[in-house]
C-alpha atoms as a PDB file:
ATOM      1  CA  MET A   1       1.870   6.005  -9.446  1.00  0.00           C
ATOM      2  CA  THR A   2       4.151   4.250 -12.009  1.00  0.00           C
ATOM      3  CA  SER A   3       7.169   6.897 -11.131  1.00  0.00           C
ATOM      4  CA  LEU A   4       6.442   5.786  -7.366  1.00  0.00           C
ATOM      5  CA  LEU A   5       6.421   2.088  -7.374  1.00  0.00           C
ATOM      6  CA  ARG A   6       9.206   2.276  -9.819  1.00  0.00           C
ATOM      7  CA  SER A   7      11.496   3.272  -7.628  1.00  0.00           C
ATOM      8  CA  LEU A   8      10.215   1.442  -5.033  1.00  0.00           C
ATOM      9  CA  SER A   9      11.320  -1.871  -7.114  1.00  0.00           C
ATOM     10  CA  GLU A  10      15.169  -0.499  -8.053  1.00  0.00           C
ATOM     11  CA  GLU A  11      15.106   0.774  -4.124  1.00  0.00           C
ATOM     12  CA  TRP A  12      13.730  -2.616  -2.577  1.00  0.00           C
ATOM     13  CA  GLU A  13      14.355  -4.916  -5.486  1.00  0.00           C
ATOM     14  CA  ILE A  14      11.057  -5.858  -5.927  1.00  0.00           C
ATOM     15  CA  PRO A  15       9.330  -6.676  -9.463  1.00  0.00           C
ATOM     16  CA  LEU A  16       8.021  -3.882 -10.516  1.00  0.00           C
ATOM     17  CA  SER A  17       4.818  -5.891 -11.578  1.00  0.00           C
ATOM     18  CA  THR A  18       4.337  -7.377  -8.111  1.00  0.00           C
ATOM     19  CA  LEU A  19       4.089  -3.413  -6.768  1.00  0.00           C
ATOM     20  CA  LYS A  20       1.801  -3.491  -9.495  1.00  0.00           C
ATOM     21  CA  LEU A  21      -0.570  -6.477  -8.622  1.00  0.00           C
ATOM     22  CA  ASN A  22      -0.326  -5.263  -4.337  1.00  0.00           C
ATOM     23  CA  ALA A  23      -1.107  -2.066  -5.156  1.00  0.00           C
ATOM     24  CA  ARG A  24      -3.989  -2.998  -7.394  1.00  0.00           C
ATOM     25  CA  ILE A  25      -5.312  -5.545  -4.773  1.00  0.00           C
ATOM     26  CA  LEU A  26      -4.908  -2.986  -2.019  1.00  0.00           C
ATOM     27  CA  ARG A  27      -7.170  -0.732  -3.950  1.00  0.00           C
ATOM     28  CA  GLU A  28      -9.714  -3.297  -4.383  1.00  0.00           C
ATOM     29  CA  LEU A  29      -9.810  -3.841  -1.075  1.00  0.00           C
ATOM     30  CA  ASN A  30     -10.331   0.015  -0.263  1.00  0.00           C
ATOM     31  CA  LEU A  31      -7.315   0.690   1.239  1.00  0.00           C
ATOM     32  CA  ILE A  32      -5.498   2.898  -1.084  1.00  0.00           C
ATOM     33  CA  SER A  33      -6.955   4.949  -4.313  1.00  0.00           C
ATOM     34  CA  TYR A  34      -4.647   5.912  -7.111  1.00  0.00           C
ATOM     35  CA  GLY A  35      -5.364   7.600 -10.042  1.00  0.00           C
ATOM     36  CA  SER A  36      -4.683   6.159 -13.304  1.00  0.00           C
ATOM     37  CA  ILE A  37      -3.111   6.364 -17.026  1.00  0.00           C
ATOM     38  CA  ARG A  38      -5.760   9.124 -17.861  1.00  0.00           C
ATOM     39  CA  GLU A  39      -6.484  10.672 -14.666  1.00  0.00           C
ATOM     40  CA  LYS A  40      -3.992  11.225 -12.581  1.00  0.00           C
ATOM     41  CA  ARG A  41      -3.489  11.500  -8.901  1.00  0.00           C
ATOM     42  CA  ASP A  42      -1.940  11.282  -5.964  1.00  0.00           C
ATOM     43  CA  ALA A  43      -1.963   8.027  -3.787  1.00  0.00           C
ATOM     44  CA  ARG A  44      -3.578   8.179  -0.603  1.00  0.00           C
ATOM     45  CA  VAL A  45      -4.310   5.720   1.967  1.00  0.00           C
ATOM     46  CA  GLU A  46      -7.808   5.306   2.777  1.00  0.00           C
ATOM     47  CA  LYS A  47     -10.320   5.836   5.908  1.00  0.00           C
ATOM     48  CA  LEU A  48     -10.537   1.962   6.150  1.00  0.00           C
ATOM     49  CA  GLY A  49      -6.364   1.222   5.033  1.00  0.00           C
ATOM     50  CA  SER A  50      -5.583   4.256   8.095  1.00  0.00           C
ATOM     51  CA  PHE A  51      -8.029   2.155  10.208  1.00  0.00           C
ATOM     52  CA  VAL A  52      -5.908  -1.224   9.460  1.00  0.00           C
ATOM     53  CA  LEU A  53      -2.274   1.178   9.888  1.00  0.00           C
ATOM     54  CA  GLY A  54      -3.493   1.490  13.202  1.00  0.00           C
ATOM     55  CA  LEU A  55      -3.926  -1.413  14.300  1.00  0.00           C
ATOM     56  CA  LEU A  56      -0.363  -3.137  13.272  1.00  0.00           C
ATOM     57  CA  GLU A  57       1.347   0.337  14.788  1.00  0.00           C
ATOM     58  CA  ASP A  58      -0.689   0.041  17.839  1.00  0.00           C
ATOM     59  CA  GLU A  59       0.809  -1.111  20.780  1.00  0.00           C
ATOM     60  CA  ASP A  60       0.331   0.674  23.875  1.00  0.00           C
ATOM     61  CA  ASP A  61      -2.742  -1.651  24.078  1.00  0.00           C
ATOM     62  CA  GLY A  62      -0.723  -4.592  24.150  1.00  0.00           C
ATOM     63  CA  ALA A  63      -1.532  -6.031  21.091  1.00  0.00           C
ATOM     64  CA  LEU A  64       0.468  -7.465  18.324  1.00  0.00           C
ATOM     65  CA  LEU A  65       0.462  -9.060  15.079  1.00  0.00           C
ATOM     66  CA  ARG A  66       2.938 -10.635  13.367  1.00  0.00           C
ATOM     67  CA  PHE A  67       3.350 -12.305   9.731  1.00  0.00           C
ATOM     68  CA  ALA A  68       5.220 -14.973   8.283  1.00  0.00           C
ATOM     69  CA  ASP A  69       7.588 -14.265   5.348  1.00  0.00           C
END
């Protein structure tokens, strides 16, 4: 997970600490899961995370969510 976050940090110029904090928050909300230092595992989107992504990406029914920066 850290190598992925490191590459995202460099590509998007976002501090690594910010990405780690947000990943931890998403995991606590059961939107994503990932391993630990001792238990290596690929990051994945959980069922609830897929549901939320579907809501955000669904444009067929006219629903649209917008967030301010």
